[in-house]
mmCIF file of all heavy atoms, coordinates in Angstrom:
data_MODEL
# 
_entry.id   MODEL 
# 
loop_
_atom_site.group_PDB 
_atom_site.id 
_atom_site.type_symbol 
_atom_site.label_atom_id 
_atom_site.label_alt_id 
_atom_site.label_comp_id 
_atom_site.label_asym_id 
_atom_site.label_entity_id 
_atom_site.label_seq_id 
_atom_site.pdbx_PDB_ins_code 
_atom_site.Cartn_x 
_atom_site.Cartn_y 
_atom_site.Cartn_z 
_atom_site.occupancy 
_atom_site.B_iso_or_equiv 
_atom_site.pdbx_formal_charge 
_atom_site.auth_seq_id 
_atom_site.auth_comp_id 
_atom_site.auth_asym_id 
_atom_site.auth_atom_id 
_atom_site.pdbx_PDB_model_num 
ATOM 1   N N   . GLU A 1 1  ? 13.010  -2.772  -12.692 1.00 0.00 ? 1  GLU A N   1 
ATOM 2   C CA  . GLU A 1 1  ? 11.862  -3.258  -11.925 1.00 0.00 ? 1  GLU A CA  1 
ATOM 3   C C   . GLU A 1 1  ? 10.577  -3.142  -12.737 1.00 0.00 ? 1  GLU A C   1 
ATOM 4   O O   . GLU A 1 1  ? 9.755   -4.069  -12.774 1.00 0.00 ? 1  GLU A O   1 
ATOM 5   C CB  . GLU A 1 1  ? 11.739  -2.450  -10.629 1.00 0.00 ? 1  GLU A CB  1 
ATOM 6   C CG  . GLU A 1 1  ? 10.544  -2.829  -9.754  1.00 0.00 ? 1  GLU A CG  1 
ATOM 7   C CD  . GLU A 1 1  ? 10.660  -4.204  -9.153  1.00 0.00 ? 1  GLU A CD  1 
ATOM 8   O OE1 . GLU A 1 1  ? 11.797  -4.727  -9.082  1.00 0.00 ? 1  GLU A OE1 1 
ATOM 9   O OE2 . GLU A 1 1  ? 9.616   -4.766  -8.763  1.00 0.00 ? 1  GLU A OE2 1 
ATOM 10  N N   . LEU A 1 2  ? 10.384  -2.011  -13.414 1.00 0.00 ? 2  LEU A N   1 
ATOM 11  C CA  . LEU A 1 2  ? 9.185   -1.831  -14.242 1.00 0.00 ? 2  LEU A CA  1 
ATOM 12  C C   . LEU A 1 2  ? 9.173   -2.809  -15.410 1.00 0.00 ? 2  LEU A C   1 
ATOM 13  O O   . LEU A 1 2  ? 8.114   -3.323  -15.792 1.00 0.00 ? 2  LEU A O   1 
ATOM 14  C CB  . LEU A 1 2  ? 9.127   -0.387  -14.754 1.00 0.00 ? 2  LEU A CB  1 
ATOM 15  C CG  . LEU A 1 2  ? 8.891   0.690   -13.697 1.00 0.00 ? 2  LEU A CG  1 
ATOM 16  C CD1 . LEU A 1 2  ? 8.980   2.077   -14.324 1.00 0.00 ? 2  LEU A CD1 1 
ATOM 17  C CD2 . LEU A 1 2  ? 7.530   0.504   -13.034 1.00 0.00 ? 2  LEU A CD2 1 
ATOM 18  N N   . ARG A 1 3  ? 10.346  -3.060  -15.984 1.00 0.00 ? 3  ARG A N   1 
ATOM 19  C CA  . ARG A 1 3  ? 10.418  -4.018  -17.093 1.00 0.00 ? 3  ARG A CA  1 
ATOM 20  C C   . ARG A 1 3  ? 10.043  -5.421  -16.630 1.00 0.00 ? 3  ARG A C   1 
ATOM 21  O O   . ARG A 1 3  ? 9.303   -6.139  -17.320 1.00 0.00 ? 3  ARG A O   1 
ATOM 22  C CB  . ARG A 1 3  ? 11.833  -4.022  -17.668 1.00 0.00 ? 3  ARG A CB  1 
ATOM 23  C CG  . ARG A 1 3  ? 12.007  -4.938  -18.882 1.00 0.00 ? 3  ARG A CG  1 
ATOM 24  C CD  . ARG A 1 3  ? 13.461  -5.136  -19.197 1.00 0.00 ? 3  ARG A CD  1 
ATOM 25  N NE  . ARG A 1 3  ? 14.151  -5.770  -18.064 1.00 0.00 ? 3  ARG A NE  1 
ATOM 26  C CZ  . ARG A 1 3  ? 15.471  -5.929  -17.994 1.00 0.00 ? 3  ARG A CZ  1 
ATOM 27  N NH1 . ARG A 1 3  ? 16.240  -5.471  -18.962 1.00 0.00 ? 3  ARG A NH1 1 
ATOM 28  N NH2 . ARG A 1 3  ? 16.010  -6.521  -16.949 1.00 0.00 ? 3  ARG A NH2 1 
ATOM 29  N N   . ASP A 1 4  ? 10.531  -5.813  -15.445 1.00 0.00 ? 4  ASP A N   1 
ATOM 30  C CA  . ASP A 1 4  ? 10.194  -7.146  -14.923 1.00 0.00 ? 4  ASP A CA  1 
ATOM 31  C C   . ASP A 1 4  ? 8.701   -7.265  -14.649 1.00 0.00 ? 4  ASP A C   1 
ATOM 32  O O   . ASP A 1 4  ? 8.085   -8.296  -14.916 1.00 0.00 ? 4  ASP A O   1 
ATOM 33  C CB  . ASP A 1 4  ? 10.987  -7.417  -13.642 1.00 0.00 ? 4  ASP A CB  1 
ATOM 34  C CG  . ASP A 1 4  ? 12.480  -7.530  -13.908 1.00 0.00 ? 4  ASP A CG  1 
ATOM 35  O OD1 . ASP A 1 4  ? 12.848  -7.752  -15.075 1.00 0.00 ? 4  ASP A OD1 1 
ATOM 36  O OD2 . ASP A 1 4  ? 13.274  -7.390  -12.948 1.00 0.00 ? 4  ASP A OD2 1 
ATOM 37  N N   . ARG A 1 5  ? 8.099   -6.176  -14.133 1.00 0.00 ? 5  ARG A N   1 
ATOM 38  C CA  . ARG A 1 5  ? 6.663   -6.219  -13.880 1.00 0.00 ? 5  ARG A CA  1 
ATOM 39  C C   . ARG A 1 5  ? 5.868   -6.312  -15.181 1.00 0.00 ? 5  ARG A C   1 
ATOM 40  O O   . ARG A 1 5  ? 4.840   -6.977  -15.251 1.00 0.00 ? 5  ARG A O   1 
ATOM 41  C CB  . ARG A 1 5  ? 6.235   -4.975  -13.099 1.00 0.00 ? 5  ARG A CB  1 
ATOM 42  C CG  . ARG A 1 5  ? 6.788   -4.925  -11.685 1.00 0.00 ? 5  ARG A CG  1 
ATOM 43  C CD  . ARG A 1 5  ? 6.154   -3.808  -10.877 1.00 0.00 ? 5  ARG A CD  1 
ATOM 44  N NE  . ARG A 1 5  ? 6.676   -3.762  -9.520  1.00 0.00 ? 5  ARG A NE  1 
ATOM 45  C CZ  . ARG A 1 5  ? 6.213   -2.965  -8.573  1.00 0.00 ? 5  ARG A CZ  1 
ATOM 46  N NH1 . ARG A 1 5  ? 5.200   -2.137  -8.845  1.00 0.00 ? 5  ARG A NH1 1 
ATOM 47  N NH2 . ARG A 1 5  ? 6.727   -2.973  -7.357  1.00 0.00 ? 5  ARG A NH2 1 
ATOM 48  N N   . GLN A 1 6  ? 6.358   -5.629  -16.212 1.00 0.00 ? 6  GLN A N   1 
ATOM 49  C CA  . GLN A 1 6  ? 5.676   -5.709  -17.501 1.00 0.00 ? 6  GLN A CA  1 
ATOM 50  C C   . GLN A 1 6  ? 5.741   -7.118  -18.057 1.00 0.00 ? 6  GLN A C   1 
ATOM 51  O O   . GLN A 1 6  ? 4.755   -7.633  -18.607 1.00 0.00 ? 6  GLN A O   1 
ATOM 52  C CB  . GLN A 1 6  ? 6.318   -4.718  -18.484 1.00 0.00 ? 6  GLN A CB  1 
ATOM 53  C CG  . GLN A 1 6  ? 5.663   -4.730  -19.865 1.00 0.00 ? 6  GLN A CG  1 
ATOM 54  C CD  . GLN A 1 6  ? 6.337   -3.777  -20.824 1.00 0.00 ? 6  GLN A CD  1 
ATOM 55  O OE1 . GLN A 1 6  ? 7.320   -3.133  -20.476 1.00 0.00 ? 6  GLN A OE1 1 
ATOM 56  N NE2 . GLN A 1 6  ? 5.826   -3.682  -22.030 1.00 0.00 ? 6  GLN A NE2 1 
ATOM 57  N N   . VAL A 1 7  ? 6.909   -7.755  -17.914 1.00 0.00 ? 7  VAL A N   1 
ATOM 58  C CA  . VAL A 1 7  ? 7.050   -9.134  -18.400 1.00 0.00 ? 7  VAL A CA  1 
ATOM 59  C C   . VAL A 1 7  ? 6.103   -10.065 -17.645 1.00 0.00 ? 7  VAL A C   1 
ATOM 60  O O   . VAL A 1 7  ? 5.445   -10.922 -18.237 1.00 0.00 ? 7  VAL A O   1 
ATOM 61  C CB  . VAL A 1 7  ? 8.511   -9.601  -18.247 1.00 0.00 ? 7  VAL A CB  1 
ATOM 62  C CG1 . VAL A 1 7  ? 8.623   -11.087 -18.568 1.00 0.00 ? 7  VAL A CG1 1 
ATOM 63  C CG2 . VAL A 1 7  ? 9.417   -8.793  -19.168 1.00 0.00 ? 7  VAL A CG2 1 
ATOM 64  N N   . GLU A 1 8  ? 6.024   -9.898  -16.319 1.00 0.00 ? 8  GLU A N   1 
ATOM 65  C CA  . GLU A 1 8  ? 5.113   -10.721 -15.529 1.00 0.00 ? 8  GLU A CA  1 
ATOM 66  C C   . GLU A 1 8  ? 3.657   -10.464 -15.920 1.00 0.00 ? 8  GLU A C   1 
ATOM 67  O O   . GLU A 1 8  ? 2.839   -11.386 -15.971 1.00 0.00 ? 8  GLU A O   1 
ATOM 68  C CB  . GLU A 1 8  ? 5.313   -10.437 -14.035 1.00 0.00 ? 8  GLU A CB  1 
ATOM 69  C CG  . GLU A 1 8  ? 6.664   -10.891 -13.512 1.00 0.00 ? 8  GLU A CG  1 
ATOM 70  C CD  . GLU A 1 8  ? 6.855   -10.550 -12.048 1.00 0.00 ? 8  GLU A CD  1 
ATOM 71  O OE1 . GLU A 1 8  ? 5.910   -9.957  -11.466 1.00 0.00 ? 8  GLU A OE1 1 
ATOM 72  O OE2 . GLU A 1 8  ? 7.925   -10.865 -11.491 1.00 0.00 ? 8  GLU A OE2 1 
ATOM 73  N N   . GLY A 1 9  ? 3.331   -9.183  -16.183 1.00 0.00 ? 9  GLY A N   1 
ATOM 74  C CA  . GLY A 1 9  ? 1.969   -8.859  -16.583 1.00 0.00 ? 9  GLY A CA  1 
ATOM 75  C C   . GLY A 1 9  ? 1.592   -9.468  -17.921 1.00 0.00 ? 9  GLY A C   1 
ATOM 76  O O   . GLY A 1 9  ? 0.448   -9.883  -18.138 1.00 0.00 ? 9  GLY A O   1 
ATOM 77  N N   . GLU A 1 10 ? 2.559   -9.546  -18.853 1.00 0.00 ? 10 GLU A N   1 
ATOM 78  C CA  . GLU A 1 10 ? 2.275   -10.119 -20.165 1.00 0.00 ? 10 GLU A CA  1 
ATOM 79  C C   . GLU A 1 10 ? 2.046   -11.623 -20.090 1.00 0.00 ? 10 GLU A C   1 
ATOM 80  O O   . GLU A 1 10 ? 1.435   -12.205 -20.985 1.00 0.00 ? 10 GLU A O   1 
ATOM 81  C CB  . GLU A 1 10 ? 3.424   -9.812  -21.116 1.00 0.00 ? 10 GLU A CB  1 
ATOM 82  C CG  . GLU A 1 10 ? 3.535   -8.330  -21.468 1.00 0.00 ? 10 GLU A CG  1 
ATOM 83  C CD  . GLU A 1 10 ? 4.763   -8.025  -22.310 1.00 0.00 ? 10 GLU A CD  1 
ATOM 84  O OE1 . GLU A 1 10 ? 5.610   -8.951  -22.454 1.00 0.00 ? 10 GLU A OE1 1 
ATOM 85  O OE2 . GLU A 1 10 ? 4.880   -6.894  -22.812 1.00 0.00 ? 10 GLU A OE2 1 
ATOM 86  N N   . ARG A 1 11 ? 2.524   -12.240 -19.023 1.00 0.00 ? 11 ARG A N   1 
ATOM 87  C CA  . ARG A 1 11 ? 2.321   -13.686 -18.864 1.00 0.00 ? 11 ARG A CA  1 
ATOM 88  C C   . ARG A 1 11 ? 0.942   -14.024 -18.313 1.00 0.00 ? 11 ARG A C   1 
ATOM 89  O O   . ARG A 1 11 ? 0.505   -15.164 -18.386 1.00 0.00 ? 11 ARG A O   1 
ATOM 90  C CB  . ARG A 1 11 ? 3.389   -14.252 -17.936 1.00 0.00 ? 11 ARG A CB  1 
ATOM 91  C CG  . ARG A 1 11 ? 4.808   -14.170 -18.499 1.00 0.00 ? 11 ARG A CG  1 
ATOM 92  C CD  . ARG A 1 11 ? 5.819   -14.642 -17.462 1.00 0.00 ? 11 ARG A CD  1 
ATOM 93  N NE  . ARG A 1 11 ? 7.183   -14.551 -17.968 1.00 0.00 ? 11 ARG A NE  1 
ATOM 94  C CZ  . ARG A 1 11 ? 8.261   -14.766 -17.215 1.00 0.00 ? 11 ARG A CZ  1 
ATOM 95  N NH1 . ARG A 1 11 ? 8.115   -15.084 -15.925 1.00 0.00 ? 11 ARG A NH1 1 
ATOM 96  N NH2 . ARG A 1 11 ? 9.467   -14.654 -17.741 1.00 0.00 ? 11 ARG A NH2 1 
ATOM 97  N N   . ALA A 1 12 ? 0.266   -13.021 -17.746 1.00 0.00 ? 12 ALA A N   1 
ATOM 98  C CA  . ALA A 1 12 ? -1.055  -13.266 -17.147 1.00 0.00 ? 12 ALA A CA  1 
ATOM 99  C C   . ALA A 1 12 ? -2.132  -13.188 -18.224 1.00 0.00 ? 12 ALA A C   1 
ATOM 100 O O   . ALA A 1 12 ? -2.139  -12.287 -19.070 1.00 0.00 ? 12 ALA A O   1 
ATOM 101 C CB  . ALA A 1 12 ? -1.336  -12.238 -16.052 1.00 0.00 ? 12 ALA A CB  1 
ATOM 102 N N   . ILE A 1 13 ? -3.016  -14.130 -18.198 1.00 0.00 ? 13 ILE A N   1 
ATOM 103 C CA  . ILE A 1 13 ? -4.126  -14.181 -19.145 1.00 0.00 ? 13 ILE A CA  1 
ATOM 104 C C   . ILE A 1 13 ? -5.419  -14.054 -18.344 1.00 0.00 ? 13 ILE A C   1 
ATOM 105 O O   . ILE A 1 13 ? -5.678  -14.839 -17.427 1.00 0.00 ? 13 ILE A O   1 
ATOM 106 C CB  . ILE A 1 13 ? -4.120  -15.503 -19.941 1.00 0.00 ? 13 ILE A CB  1 
ATOM 107 C CG1 . ILE A 1 13 ? -2.805  -15.634 -20.721 1.00 0.00 ? 13 ILE A CG1 1 
ATOM 108 C CG2 . ILE A 1 13 ? -5.320  -15.561 -20.890 1.00 0.00 ? 13 ILE A CG2 1 
ATOM 109 C CD1 . ILE A 1 13 ? -2.675  -16.937 -21.473 1.00 0.00 ? 13 ILE A CD1 1 
ATOM 110 N N   . TYR A 1 14 ? -6.201  -13.064 -18.693 1.00 0.00 ? 14 TYR A N   1 
ATOM 111 C CA  . TYR A 1 14 ? -7.429  -12.799 -17.955 1.00 0.00 ? 14 TYR A CA  1 
ATOM 112 C C   . TYR A 1 14 ? -8.620  -13.409 -18.684 1.00 0.00 ? 14 TYR A C   1 
ATOM 113 O O   . TYR A 1 14 ? -8.720  -13.349 -19.909 1.00 0.00 ? 14 TYR A O   1 
ATOM 114 C CB  . TYR A 1 14 ? -7.627  -11.288 -17.783 1.00 0.00 ? 14 TYR A CB  1 
ATOM 115 C CG  . TYR A 1 14 ? -6.534  -10.646 -16.974 1.00 0.00 ? 14 TYR A CG  1 
ATOM 116 C CD1 . TYR A 1 14 ? -5.429  -10.080 -17.607 1.00 0.00 ? 14 TYR A CD1 1 
ATOM 117 C CD2 . TYR A 1 14 ? -6.589  -10.630 -15.589 1.00 0.00 ? 14 TYR A CD2 1 
ATOM 118 C CE1 . TYR A 1 14 ? -4.411  -9.492  -16.859 1.00 0.00 ? 14 TYR A CE1 1 
ATOM 119 C CE2 . TYR A 1 14 ? -5.583  -10.043 -14.845 1.00 0.00 ? 14 TYR A CE2 1 
ATOM 120 C CZ  . TYR A 1 14 ? -4.491  -9.484  -15.481 1.00 0.00 ? 14 TYR A CZ  1 
ATOM 121 O OH  . TYR A 1 14 ? -3.490  -8.910  -14.749 1.00 0.00 ? 14 TYR A OH  1 
ATOM 122 N N   . ARG A 1 15 ? -9.493  -13.946 -17.913 1.00 0.00 ? 15 ARG A N   1 
ATOM 123 C CA  . ARG A 1 15 ? -10.659 -14.616 -18.459 1.00 0.00 ? 15 ARG A CA  1 
ATOM 124 C C   . ARG A 1 15 ? -11.779 -13.615 -18.716 1.00 0.00 ? 15 ARG A C   1 
ATOM 125 O O   . ARG A 1 15 ? -12.034 -12.728 -17.909 1.00 0.00 ? 15 ARG A O   1 
ATOM 126 C CB  . ARG A 1 15 ? -11.128 -15.675 -17.456 1.00 0.00 ? 15 ARG A CB  1 
ATOM 127 C CG  . ARG A 1 15 ? -12.400 -16.377 -17.830 1.00 0.00 ? 15 ARG A CG  1 
ATOM 128 C CD  . ARG A 1 15 ? -12.766 -17.381 -16.748 1.00 0.00 ? 15 ARG A CD  1 
ATOM 129 N NE  . ARG A 1 15 ? -14.043 -18.003 -17.007 1.00 0.00 ? 15 ARG A NE  1 
ATOM 130 C CZ  . ARG A 1 15 ? -14.622 -18.883 -16.209 1.00 0.00 ? 15 ARG A CZ  1 
ATOM 131 N NH1 . ARG A 1 15 ? -14.001 -19.246 -15.107 1.00 0.00 ? 15 ARG A NH1 1 
ATOM 132 N NH2 . ARG A 1 15 ? -15.782 -19.402 -16.505 1.00 0.00 ? 15 ARG A NH2 1 
ATOM 133 N N   . GLU A 1 16 ? -12.390 -13.749 -19.874 1.00 0.00 ? 16 GLU A N   1 
ATOM 134 C CA  . GLU A 1 16 ? -13.517 -12.890 -20.209 1.00 0.00 ? 16 GLU A CA  1 
ATOM 135 C C   . GLU A 1 16 ? -14.724 -13.256 -19.344 1.00 0.00 ? 16 GLU A C   1 
ATOM 136 O O   . GLU A 1 16 ? -14.943 -14.435 -19.028 1.00 0.00 ? 16 GLU A O   1 
ATOM 137 C CB  . GLU A 1 16 ? -13.886 -13.054 -21.690 1.00 0.00 ? 16 GLU A CB  1 
ATOM 138 C CG  . GLU A 1 16 ? -12.824 -12.543 -22.653 1.00 0.00 ? 16 GLU A CG  1 
ATOM 139 C CD  . GLU A 1 16 ? -12.664 -11.045 -22.584 1.00 0.00 ? 16 GLU A CD  1 
ATOM 140 O OE1 . GLU A 1 16 ? -13.639 -10.369 -22.205 1.00 0.00 ? 16 GLU A OE1 1 
ATOM 141 O OE2 . GLU A 1 16 ? -11.559 -10.555 -22.895 1.00 0.00 ? 16 GLU A OE2 1 
ATOM 142 N N   . PRO A 1 17 ? -15.518 -12.257 -18.914 1.00 0.00 ? 17 PRO A N   1 
ATOM 143 C CA  . PRO A 1 17 ? -16.710 -12.565 -18.106 1.00 0.00 ? 17 PRO A CA  1 
ATOM 144 C C   . PRO A 1 17 ? -17.709 -13.415 -18.896 1.00 0.00 ? 17 PRO A C   1 
ATOM 145 O O   . PRO A 1 17 ? -17.990 -13.135 -20.058 1.00 0.00 ? 17 PRO A O   1 
ATOM 146 C CB  . PRO A 1 17 ? -17.279 -11.178 -17.794 1.00 0.00 ? 17 PRO A CB  1 
ATOM 147 C CG  . PRO A 1 17 ? -16.720 -10.276 -18.847 1.00 0.00 ? 17 PRO A CG  1 
ATOM 148 C CD  . PRO A 1 17 ? -15.374 -10.819 -19.194 1.00 0.00 ? 17 PRO A CD  1 
ATOM 149 N N   . ASP A 1 18 ? -18.194 -14.446 -18.250 1.00 0.00 ? 18 ASP A N   1 
ATOM 150 C CA  . ASP A 1 18 ? -19.147 -15.339 -18.927 1.00 0.00 ? 18 ASP A CA  1 
ATOM 151 C C   . ASP A 1 18 ? -20.399 -15.556 -18.065 1.00 0.00 ? 18 ASP A C   1 
ATOM 152 O O   . ASP A 1 18 ? -20.976 -16.643 -18.060 1.00 0.00 ? 18 ASP A O   1 
ATOM 153 C CB  . ASP A 1 18 ? -18.489 -16.677 -19.246 1.00 0.00 ? 18 ASP A CB  1 
ATOM 154 C CG  . ASP A 1 18 ? -17.898 -17.343 -18.007 1.00 0.00 ? 18 ASP A CG  1 
ATOM 155 O OD1 . ASP A 1 18 ? -17.928 -16.720 -16.924 1.00 0.00 ? 18 ASP A OD1 1 
ATOM 156 O OD2 . ASP A 1 18 ? -17.410 -18.488 -18.121 1.00 0.00 ? 18 ASP A OD2 1 
ATOM 157 N N   . ILE A 1 19 ? -20.794 -14.528 -17.323 1.00 0.00 ? 19 ILE A N   1 
ATOM 158 C CA  . ILE A 1 19 ? -21.998 -14.629 -16.498 1.00 0.00 ? 19 ILE A CA  1 
ATOM 159 C C   . ILE A 1 19 ? -23.218 -14.634 -17.413 1.00 0.00 ? 19 ILE A C   1 
ATOM 160 O O   . ILE A 1 19 ? -23.336 -13.776 -18.284 1.00 0.00 ? 19 ILE A O   1 
ATOM 161 C CB  . ILE A 1 19 ? -22.078 -13.460 -15.513 1.00 0.00 ? 19 ILE A CB  1 
ATOM 162 C CG1 . ILE A 1 19 ? -20.816 -13.428 -14.631 1.00 0.00 ? 19 ILE A CG1 1 
ATOM 163 C CG2 . ILE A 1 19 ? -23.325 -13.542 -14.664 1.00 0.00 ? 19 ILE A CG2 1 
ATOM 164 C CD1 . ILE A 1 19 ? -20.764 -12.258 -13.693 1.00 0.00 ? 19 ILE A CD1 1 
ATOM 165 N N   . PRO A 1 20 ? -24.104 -15.575 -17.264 1.00 0.00 ? 20 PRO A N   1 
ATOM 166 C CA  . PRO A 1 20 ? -25.300 -15.622 -18.110 1.00 0.00 ? 20 PRO A CA  1 
ATOM 167 C C   . PRO A 1 20 ? -26.103 -14.329 -18.021 1.00 0.00 ? 20 PRO A C   1 
ATOM 168 O O   . PRO A 1 20 ? -26.146 -13.673 -16.981 1.00 0.00 ? 20 PRO A O   1 
ATOM 169 C CB  . PRO A 1 20 ? -26.091 -16.814 -17.536 1.00 0.00 ? 20 PRO A CB  1 
ATOM 170 C CG  . PRO A 1 20 ? -25.056 -17.653 -16.844 1.00 0.00 ? 20 PRO A CG  1 
ATOM 171 C CD  . PRO A 1 20 ? -24.031 -16.695 -16.319 1.00 0.00 ? 20 PRO A CD  1 
ATOM 172 N N   . GLU A 1 21 ? -26.727 -13.954 -19.118 1.00 0.00 ? 21 GLU A N   1 
ATOM 173 C CA  . GLU A 1 21 ? -27.467 -12.697 -19.180 1.00 0.00 ? 21 GLU A CA  1 
ATOM 174 C C   . GLU A 1 21 ? -28.617 -12.680 -18.192 1.00 0.00 ? 21 GLU A C   1 
ATOM 175 O O   . GLU A 1 21 ? -28.909 -11.652 -17.572 1.00 0.00 ? 21 GLU A O   1 
ATOM 176 C CB  . GLU A 1 21 ? -27.988 -12.497 -20.607 1.00 0.00 ? 21 GLU A CB  1 
ATOM 177 C CG  . GLU A 1 21 ? -28.618 -11.150 -20.846 1.00 0.00 ? 21 GLU A CG  1 
ATOM 178 C CD  . GLU A 1 21 ? -28.974 -10.933 -22.299 1.00 0.00 ? 21 GLU A CD  1 
ATOM 179 O OE1 . GLU A 1 21 ? -28.344 -11.574 -23.155 1.00 0.00 ? 21 GLU A OE1 1 
ATOM 180 O OE2 . GLU A 1 21 ? -29.881 -10.135 -22.562 1.00 0.00 ? 21 GLU A OE2 1 
ATOM 181 N N   . GLU A 1 22 ? -29.267 -13.835 -18.001 1.00 0.00 ? 22 GLU A N   1 
ATOM 182 C CA  . GLU A 1 22 ? -30.394 -13.863 -17.077 1.00 0.00 ? 22 GLU A CA  1 
ATOM 183 C C   . GLU A 1 22 ? -29.947 -13.665 -15.629 1.00 0.00 ? 22 GLU A C   1 
ATOM 184 O O   . GLU A 1 22 ? -30.684 -13.137 -14.803 1.00 0.00 ? 22 GLU A O   1 
ATOM 185 C CB  . GLU A 1 22 ? -31.158 -15.183 -17.202 1.00 0.00 ? 22 GLU A CB  1 
ATOM 186 C CG  . GLU A 1 22 ? -30.316 -16.448 -17.006 1.00 0.00 ? 22 GLU A CG  1 
ATOM 187 C CD  . GLU A 1 22 ? -29.683 -16.922 -18.303 1.00 0.00 ? 22 GLU A CD  1 
ATOM 188 O OE1 . GLU A 1 22 ? -29.688 -16.148 -19.267 1.00 0.00 ? 22 GLU A OE1 1 
ATOM 189 O OE2 . GLU A 1 22 ? -29.198 -18.066 -18.340 1.00 0.00 ? 22 GLU A OE2 1 
ATOM 190 N N   . VAL A 1 23 ? -28.700 -14.075 -15.327 1.00 0.00 ? 23 VAL A N   1 
ATOM 191 C CA  . VAL A 1 23 ? -28.175 -13.857 -13.976 1.00 0.00 ? 23 VAL A CA  1 
ATOM 192 C C   . VAL A 1 23 ? -27.859 -12.384 -13.764 1.00 0.00 ? 23 VAL A C   1 
ATOM 193 O O   . VAL A 1 23 ? -28.128 -11.815 -12.701 1.00 0.00 ? 23 VAL A O   1 
ATOM 194 C CB  . VAL A 1 23 ? -26.921 -14.721 -13.747 1.00 0.00 ? 23 VAL A CB  1 
ATOM 195 C CG1 . VAL A 1 23 ? -26.293 -14.407 -12.387 1.00 0.00 ? 23 VAL A CG1 1 
ATOM 196 C CG2 . VAL A 1 23 ? -27.282 -16.197 -13.830 1.00 0.00 ? 23 VAL A CG2 1 
ATOM 197 N N   . GLN A 1 24 ? -27.291 -11.726 -14.786 1.00 0.00 ? 24 GLN A N   1 
ATOM 198 C CA  . GLN A 1 24 ? -26.980 -10.310 -14.669 1.00 0.00 ? 24 GLN A CA  1 
ATOM 199 C C   . GLN A 1 24 ? -28.233 -9.465  -14.501 1.00 0.00 ? 24 GLN A C   1 
ATOM 200 O O   . GLN A 1 24 ? -28.225 -8.450  -13.808 1.00 0.00 ? 24 GLN A O   1 
ATOM 201 C CB  . GLN A 1 24 ? -26.203 -9.844  -15.911 1.00 0.00 ? 24 GLN A CB  1 
ATOM 202 C CG  . GLN A 1 24 ? -24.824 -10.461 -16.037 1.00 0.00 ? 24 GLN A CG  1 
ATOM 203 C CD  . GLN A 1 24 ? -24.086 -9.942  -17.250 1.00 0.00 ? 24 GLN A CD  1 
ATOM 204 O OE1 . GLN A 1 24 ? -24.618 -9.196  -18.056 1.00 0.00 ? 24 GLN A OE1 1 
ATOM 205 N NE2 . GLN A 1 24 ? -22.827 -10.335 -17.388 1.00 0.00 ? 24 GLN A NE2 1 
ATOM 206 N N   . GLU A 1 25 ? -29.313 -9.864  -15.138 1.00 0.00 ? 25 GLU A N   1 
ATOM 207 C CA  . GLU A 1 25 ? -30.539 -9.077  -15.086 1.00 0.00 ? 25 GLU A CA  1 
ATOM 208 C C   . GLU A 1 25 ? -31.412 -9.421  -13.890 1.00 0.00 ? 25 GLU A C   1 
ATOM 209 O O   . GLU A 1 25 ? -32.456 -8.808  -13.679 1.00 0.00 ? 25 GLU A O   1 
ATOM 210 C CB  . GLU A 1 25 ? -31.339 -9.301  -16.371 1.00 0.00 ? 25 GLU A CB  1 
ATOM 211 C CG  . GLU A 1 25 ? -30.618 -8.813  -17.625 1.00 0.00 ? 25 GLU A CG  1 
ATOM 212 C CD  . GLU A 1 25 ? -31.402 -9.091  -18.891 1.00 0.00 ? 25 GLU A CD  1 
ATOM 213 O OE1 . GLU A 1 25 ? -32.450 -9.799  -18.787 1.00 0.00 ? 25 GLU A OE1 1 
ATOM 214 O OE2 . GLU A 1 25 ? -30.995 -8.619  -19.962 1.00 0.00 ? 25 GLU A OE2 1 
ATOM 215 N N   . TYR A 1 26 ? -30.978 -10.393 -13.078 1.00 0.00 ? 26 TYR A N   1 
ATOM 216 C CA  . TYR A 1 26 ? -31.794 -10.814 -11.935 1.00 0.00 ? 26 TYR A CA  1 
ATOM 217 C C   . TYR A 1 26 ? -31.852 -9.717  -10.880 1.00 0.00 ? 26 TYR A C   1 
ATOM 218 O O   . TYR A 1 26 ? -30.837 -9.105  -10.530 1.00 0.00 ? 26 TYR A O   1 
ATOM 219 C CB  . TYR A 1 26 ? -31.214 -12.085 -11.316 1.00 0.00 ? 26 TYR A CB  1 
ATOM 220 C CG  . TYR A 1 26 ? -31.892 -12.485 -10.021 1.00 0.00 ? 26 TYR A CG  1 
ATOM 221 C CD1 . TYR A 1 26 ? -33.152 -13.095 -10.027 1.00 0.00 ? 26 TYR A CD1 1 
ATOM 222 C CD2 . TYR A 1 26 ? -31.274 -12.247 -8.796  1.00 0.00 ? 26 TYR A CD2 1 
ATOM 223 C CE1 . TYR A 1 26 ? -33.771 -13.459 -8.844  1.00 0.00 ? 26 TYR A CE1 1 
ATOM 224 C CE2 . TYR A 1 26 ? -31.876 -12.611 -7.604  1.00 0.00 ? 26 TYR A CE2 1 
ATOM 225 C CZ  . TYR A 1 26 ? -33.133 -13.214 -7.638  1.00 0.00 ? 26 TYR A CZ  1 
ATOM 226 O OH  . TYR A 1 26 ? -33.737 -13.557 -6.464  1.00 0.00 ? 26 TYR A OH  1 
# 
């Protein structure tokens, strides 16, 4: 079960945060 979850996790690609700096500092 843990091996299957690891395989599923390796298939997921996470997107890097791209919030503009001026929005973060608002």
